[in-house]
Amino acid sequence: DESRLELLLAQREIKYSQADVTVSLTGKEDLEAKLIAVADSLRVFILENPANDKPVLGEAHARAISRVMGMGTKENGGRDADVEKARQKEKDAVSQEKIDALNALLQSDEPEEPKYQQYKD
């Protein structure tokens, strides 16, 4: 159905326009010709857009690493540096509570009654 095809194309046109590589085909090409056209377009794109010699850290990654390392974020001038440390301390405290509770269970002489026992009667 041609109208359905036009609708699909209109919906996808925005995404298609954002592509780094485009390939113009007439629809008469055989599979091998299509593959060659795609490969040639990719080769041209790679040659025109070489990778950086040095890795580039994305801004989101840099902010996340700064928070985790306790340095804070650039936009807050480092004022939020202790936020991640506070979160980690809280996690550690909860973990230590669980460890202590398990150790107490292991050291007790009488086994704790399973909670589901009350529903057996």
Foldseek 3Di string as FASTA:
>chain_A
DVVVVVVVCVVCVVVVVPDLFDFDDDPPDDPVVVVVRVVVRVVVSCVVDPDDPDDDDDQVRVQVVCCCVLQHGPVVVSPCSCVNVVVVVVVVVVVVVVVVVVVVQVPDPDHDDDPCVVVPD
